[in-house]
Amino acid sequence: MTDTNEHVARMAKLFDALSATYDDVGVDFFGPIADGLLAAMPPVVGESWLDIGCGRGAVLLPAAEGVGPTGLATGIDISPAMVDLAGIGAQARGLTNVHASVGDAGSPEIEGSFDTVSSCLVLFFLTDPVAALESWLPLLRPDGRLGVTTFGPIDERWKHLDEVFVPFLPPAMRDARTSGGPFTSDEGMEGLVSKAGYSDVRTVTGEVAVRFADAEQWHSFTWSTGQRQMWLSIPEDQRADVRAEAERRLASYADADGSVTFSQGVRHTLATRPA
């Protein structure tokens, strides 16, 4: 198995394990971020929309509502469990114009030509982001729209909290928000997208307030997102000590009711396929 295939298999296993609690521990995070992408790139009635790395449907399902019954919203995700939950979410909303299937964001094998391609908080998980963006380009119709969401600046207090993981992380697992490279600036992301062959590349930024009711909710949140792999990098006999230090830092930022609210910058990189 190649390194890329091994990485894909690890990601599928990770997000299958996360699926039951992903975006479901009472913290408003993925929903507001997805809303920001959809506001920057509003769905158009009747269009065909592809969401790459759809997860449980934070972008996919509102996009399906936006394109309406004459449109189609297609989602792919590396995790079969996430795909199943996206389908359940579509049924719960009464949506009949959603199709979700298992697929690799790094090199999608999917037929069709789409008016819009979106990908929210996915690109930094891929081993070759430029190659992935290049593989998405033929899926767009000429003048079709691309929207890619990554993280912007992180609250310095949150950064201090997450530094408890750093001594245990291999370089490839460092936080894309803080570890340098193209994901740390508007210019870096615009450069990636331009290099992949897109035109009219531009950035829309936003900020999301992320509130943890208490330390227990913060802990549950970290295990319900991709951050779980950071916990798994810590030897099991040291996790209690790392958690205690994290909770000590968290308490130093707490409001009177014990809650903590951090800010998270969000970057939406928008572009089109040249005509």
Protein backbone atom coordinates (compact mmCIF):
# COMPACT_ATOMS: atom_id res chain seq x y z
CA MET A 1 0.00 0.00 0.00
CA THR A 2 1.40 3.41 -0.96
CA ASP A 3 1.85 6.20 1.57
CA THR A 4 -1.11 8.05 0.04
CA ASN A 5 -3.36 4.99 0.27
CA GLU A 6 -2.30 4.42 3.87
CA HIS A 7 -3.13 8.03 4.68
CA VAL A 8 -6.56 7.73 3.05
CA ALA A 9 -7.25 4.53 5.00
CA ARG A 10 -6.23 6.22 8.27
CA MET A 11 -8.48 9.20 7.57
CA ALA A 12 -11.41 6.94 6.72
CA LYS A 13 -10.92 5.03 9.97
CA LEU A 14 -10.57 8.24 11.98
CA PHE A 15 -13.72 9.87 10.62
CA ASP A 16 -15.73 6.67 10.86
CA ALA A 17 -14.84 6.66 14.56
CA LEU A 18 -15.80 10.34 14.90
CA SER A 19 -19.05 10.12 13.00
CA ALA A 20 -21.45 9.42 15.88
CA THR A 21 -20.47 12.57 17.80
CA TYR A 22 -19.06 14.76 15.01
CA ASP A 23 -20.71 18.19 15.16
CA ASP A 24 -23.05 16.81 17.84
CA VAL A 25 -21.67 17.70 21.28
CA GLY A 26 -23.45 21.04 21.69
CA VAL A 27 -20.67 23.31 20.38
CA ASP A 28 -21.54 25.60 17.47
CA PHE A 29 -18.53 25.19 15.21
CA PHE A 30 -19.00 23.42 11.89
CA GLY A 31 -22.47 24.83 11.29
CA PRO A 32 -21.50 28.52 11.50
CA ILE A 33 -18.38 27.88 9.42
CA ALA A 34 -20.46 26.18 6.73
CA ASP A 35 -22.96 29.04 6.85
CA GLY A 36 -20.12 31.44 6.14
CA LEU A 37 -19.11 29.53 3.01
CA LEU A 38 -22.69 29.40 1.78
CA ALA A 39 -23.06 33.16 2.38
CA ALA A 40 -19.87 33.82 0.41
CA MET A 41 -21.01 31.53 -2.41
CA PRO A 42 -24.82 31.34 -2.27
CA PRO A 43 -26.51 28.36 -3.91
CA VAL A 44 -28.47 29.13 -7.08
CA VAL A 45 -31.82 27.49 -7.75
CA GLY A 46 -31.48 24.68 -10.26
CA GLU A 47 -27.72 24.30 -10.18
CA SER A 48 -25.67 21.15 -9.70
CA TRP A 49 -23.51 21.33 -6.55
CA LEU A 50 -20.68 19.02 -5.46
CA ASP A 51 -19.46 19.07 -1.86
CA ILE A 52 -16.11 17.34 -1.43
CA GLY A 53 -15.54 15.94 2.06
CA CYS A 54 -19.20 16.42 2.94
CA GLY A 55 -19.09 14.87 6.42
CA ARG A 56 -22.55 14.77 7.97
CA GLY A 57 -23.74 17.48 5.60
CA ALA A 58 -23.01 20.88 7.17
CA VAL A 59 -22.61 22.39 3.68
CA LEU A 60 -24.27 19.70 1.58
CA LEU A 61 -27.73 19.81 3.13
CA PRO A 62 -28.22 23.62 3.17
CA ALA A 63 -26.82 23.68 -0.38
CA ALA A 64 -29.47 21.13 -1.39
CA GLU A 65 -32.15 23.35 0.11
CA GLY A 66 -30.71 26.33 -1.75
CA VAL A 67 -30.56 24.72 -5.19
CA GLY A 68 -34.10 23.48 -4.71
CA PRO A 69 -35.89 20.46 -6.18
CA THR A 70 -34.78 21.34 -9.72
CA GLY A 71 -31.13 21.24 -8.61
CA LEU A 72 -28.92 18.46 -7.31
CA ALA A 73 -26.51 18.37 -4.36
CA THR A 74 -23.90 15.63 -4.50
CA GLY A 75 -21.52 14.88 -1.66
CA ILE A 76 -18.52 12.60 -1.29
CA ASP A 77 -16.62 11.67 1.83
CA ILE A 78 -13.88 9.19 2.63
CA SER A 79 -15.88 7.90 5.63
CA PRO A 80 -18.75 5.49 4.91
CA ALA A 81 -20.27 6.30 8.31
CA MET A 82 -20.29 10.03 7.52
CA VAL A 83 -21.93 9.34 4.17
CA ASP A 84 -24.64 7.29 5.88
CA LEU A 85 -25.32 10.10 8.35
CA ALA A 86 -25.50 12.68 5.55
CA GLY A 87 -28.15 10.53 3.93
CA ILE A 88 -30.08 10.26 7.19
CA GLY A 89 -29.85 14.04 7.58
CA ALA A 90 -31.23 14.55 4.08
CA GLN A 91 -34.16 12.27 4.83
CA ALA A 92 -34.85 14.11 8.09
CA ARG A 93 -35.07 17.38 6.15
CA GLY A 94 -37.27 15.86 3.49
CA LEU A 95 -34.66 16.44 0.79
CA THR A 96 -34.90 14.28 -2.33
CA ASN A 97 -32.19 16.07 -4.33
CA VAL A 98 -29.19 14.82 -2.32
CA HIS A 99 -26.81 12.06 -3.34
CA ALA A 100 -23.94 11.16 -1.01
CA SER A 101 -21.35 8.48 -1.68
CA VAL A 102 -17.93 7.33 -0.52
CA GLY A 103 -15.08 9.05 -2.35
CA ASP A 104 -11.55 10.31 -1.90
CA ALA A 105 -11.23 14.11 -1.82
CA GLY A 106 -7.65 13.78 -3.00
CA SER A 107 -8.66 12.28 -6.34
CA PRO A 108 -12.44 12.02 -6.73
CA GLU A 109 -13.71 9.35 -9.09
CA ILE A 110 -17.10 10.81 -9.81
CA GLU A 111 -18.99 11.39 -13.01
CA GLY A 112 -20.72 14.61 -13.85
CA SER A 113 -20.12 18.26 -14.49
CA PHE A 114 -21.01 20.68 -11.72
CA ASP A 115 -21.85 24.36 -11.49
CA THR A 116 -20.29 24.63 -8.05
CA VAL A 117 -17.70 22.66 -6.08
CA SER A 118 -17.29 23.29 -2.36
CA SER A 119 -14.94 21.82 0.22
CA CYS A 120 -15.09 22.91 3.84
CA LEU A 121 -12.23 22.18 6.27
CA VAL A 122 -10.86 19.32 4.16
CA LEU A 123 -7.92 20.48 2.07
CA PHE A 124 -5.35 20.50 4.90
CA PHE A 125 -6.00 16.80 5.58
CA LEU A 126 -4.81 15.85 2.09
CA THR A 127 -1.28 14.78 1.27
CA ASP A 128 -1.06 16.89 -1.91
CA PRO A 129 -3.47 19.85 -1.81
CA VAL A 130 -2.48 21.23 -5.23
CA ALA A 131 -2.98 17.85 -6.90
CA ALA A 132 -6.38 17.59 -5.22
CA LEU A 133 -7.42 21.03 -6.46
CA GLU A 134 -6.23 20.08 -9.95
CA SER A 135 -8.35 16.94 -9.83
CA TRP A 136 -11.43 19.00 -8.91
CA LEU A 137 -11.03 21.43 -11.83
CA PRO A 138 -12.38 19.08 -14.56
CA LEU A 139 -15.47 18.47 -12.42
CA LEU A 140 -16.50 22.10 -12.86
CA ARG A 141 -18.23 23.49 -15.89
CA PRO A 142 -16.48 26.44 -17.55
CA ASP A 143 -17.04 29.51 -15.35
CA GLY A 144 -18.18 27.16 -12.56
CA ARG A 145 -17.53 28.23 -8.99
CA LEU A 146 -15.10 26.85 -6.43
CA GLY A 147 -15.26 27.54 -2.69
CA VAL A 148 -12.68 26.14 -0.27
CA THR A 149 -12.85 26.83 3.46
CA THR A 150 -9.82 26.65 5.73
CA PHE A 151 -8.97 28.17 9.09
CA GLY A 152 -7.91 31.76 9.55
CA PRO A 153 -6.18 33.16 12.64
CA ILE A 154 -6.84 31.33 15.88
CA ASP A 155 -7.45 32.99 19.25
CA GLU A 156 -4.09 33.19 21.04
CA ARG A 157 -5.72 31.77 24.19
CA TRP A 158 -6.98 28.75 22.25
CA LYS A 159 -3.57 28.35 20.67
CA HIS A 160 -2.02 28.32 24.17
CA LEU A 161 -4.51 25.65 25.24
CA ASP A 162 -3.79 23.41 22.24
CA GLU A 163 -0.04 23.67 22.76
CA VAL A 164 -0.39 20.86 25.31
CA PHE A 165 -0.52 18.47 22.34
CA VAL A 166 2.52 19.77 20.48
CA PRO A 167 5.28 17.70 22.19
CA PHE A 168 3.55 14.50 21.11
CA LEU A 169 2.73 15.31 17.49
CA PRO A 170 4.62 14.17 14.40
CA PRO A 171 5.29 17.06 11.99
CA ALA A 172 2.56 15.95 9.58
CA MET A 173 -0.05 16.31 12.32
CA ARG A 174 0.76 19.87 13.38
CA ASP A 175 -2.21 22.21 13.42
CA ALA A 176 -2.72 23.75 9.98
CA ARG A 177 -3.82 26.99 11.68
CA THR A 178 -0.48 27.53 13.36
CA SER A 179 2.24 25.41 11.75
CA GLY A 180 3.17 27.60 8.79
CA GLY A 181 2.77 26.97 5.08
CA PRO A 182 0.01 27.99 2.68
CA PHE A 183 -2.84 27.43 5.15
CA THR A 184 -1.77 30.28 7.41
CA SER A 185 -2.51 33.21 5.09
CA ASP A 186 -4.95 34.45 2.46
CA GLU A 187 -2.07 34.78 0.03
CA GLY A 188 -0.90 31.23 0.66
CA MET A 189 -4.32 29.77 -0.05
CA GLU A 190 -4.85 31.96 -3.09
CA GLY A 191 -1.49 30.78 -4.38
CA LEU A 192 -2.47 27.12 -4.01
CA VAL A 193 -5.72 27.63 -5.90
CA SER A 194 -4.12 29.71 -8.64
CA LYS A 195 -1.35 27.14 -9.10
CA ALA A 196 -4.00 24.48 -9.65
CA GLY A 197 -5.37 26.39 -12.65
CA TYR A 198 -8.31 28.40 -11.33
CA SER A 199 -9.01 32.05 -12.12
CA ASP A 200 -10.60 35.01 -10.36
CA VAL A 201 -9.15 33.79 -7.06
CA ARG A 202 -10.16 35.83 -4.04
CA THR A 203 -10.72 35.55 -0.30
CA VAL A 204 -13.66 36.17 2.01
CA THR A 205 -12.87 36.04 5.71
CA GLY A 206 -15.00 35.66 8.78
CA GLU A 207 -14.87 34.82 12.46
CA VAL A 208 -16.78 32.34 14.58
CA ALA A 209 -17.26 32.54 18.35
CA VAL A 210 -16.79 29.05 19.80
CA ARG A 211 -18.21 28.55 23.28
CA PHE A 212 -17.41 25.65 25.58
CA ALA A 213 -19.79 25.39 28.53
CA ASP A 214 -17.11 23.77 30.67
CA ALA A 215 -13.95 21.70 30.51
CA GLU A 216 -15.89 18.49 29.96
CA GLN A 217 -17.53 19.88 26.84
CA TRP A 218 -14.16 21.05 25.53
CA HIS A 219 -12.80 17.53 26.06
CA SER A 220 -15.78 15.95 24.30
CA PHE A 221 -15.39 18.39 21.41
CA THR A 222 -11.73 17.55 20.89
CA TRP A 223 -12.52 13.83 20.73
CA SER A 224 -15.39 14.47 18.28
CA THR A 225 -13.27 16.24 15.64
CA GLY A 226 -10.06 15.56 13.76
CA GLN A 227 -8.27 16.59 16.95
CA ARG A 228 -8.93 13.07 18.20
CA GLN A 229 -5.81 12.00 16.33
CA MET A 230 -3.83 14.37 18.54
CA TRP A 231 -5.11 12.62 21.66
CA LEU A 232 -4.25 9.28 20.12
CA SER A 233 -0.67 10.47 19.58
CA ILE A 234 -0.25 10.85 23.34
CA PRO A 235 0.76 7.66 25.18
CA GLU A 236 -2.30 6.44 27.03
CA ASP A 237 -0.58 6.60 30.41
CA GLN A 238 0.13 10.33 29.86
CA ARG A 239 -3.27 11.47 28.63
CA ALA A 240 -4.65 12.20 32.10
CA ASP A 241 -1.76 14.53 32.83
CA VAL A 242 -2.12 16.30 29.48
CA ARG A 243 -5.85 16.71 30.06
CA ALA A 244 -5.24 18.12 33.54
CA GLU A 245 -2.80 20.70 32.17
CA ALA A 246 -5.22 21.62 29.39
CA GLU A 247 -8.04 22.08 31.86
CA ARG A 248 -5.80 24.22 34.06
CA ARG A 249 -5.16 26.51 31.11
CA LEU A 250 -8.82 26.48 30.14
CA ALA A 251 -9.85 27.50 33.66
CA SER A 252 -7.55 30.52 33.50
CA TYR A 253 -9.65 31.87 30.63
CA ALA A 254 -13.08 30.97 32.03
CA ASP A 255 -15.92 33.40 32.56
CA ALA A 256 -17.78 33.56 35.87
CA ASP A 257 -20.13 30.75 34.81
CA GLY A 258 -17.22 28.45 33.96
CA SER A 259 -17.66 28.75 30.20
CA VAL A 260 -14.94 29.79 27.78
CA THR A 261 -15.50 31.48 24.44
CA PHE A 262 -12.71 31.55 21.88
CA SER A 263 -12.68 33.16 18.45
CA GLN A 264 -11.74 31.27 15.31
CA GLY A 265 -10.92 33.01 12.07
CA VAL A 266 -12.26 31.41 8.91
CA ARG A 267 -10.96 31.79 5.37
CA HIS A 268 -13.11 31.10 2.30
CA THR A 269 -11.04 30.96 -0.88
CA LEU A 270 -13.24 31.47 -3.92
CA ALA A 271 -12.41 30.99 -7.60
CA THR A 272 -13.81 29.96 -10.96
CA ARG A 273 -12.84 27.54 -13.68
CA PRO A 274 -11.59 29.48 -16.68
CA ALA A 275 -14.04 29.53 -19.57
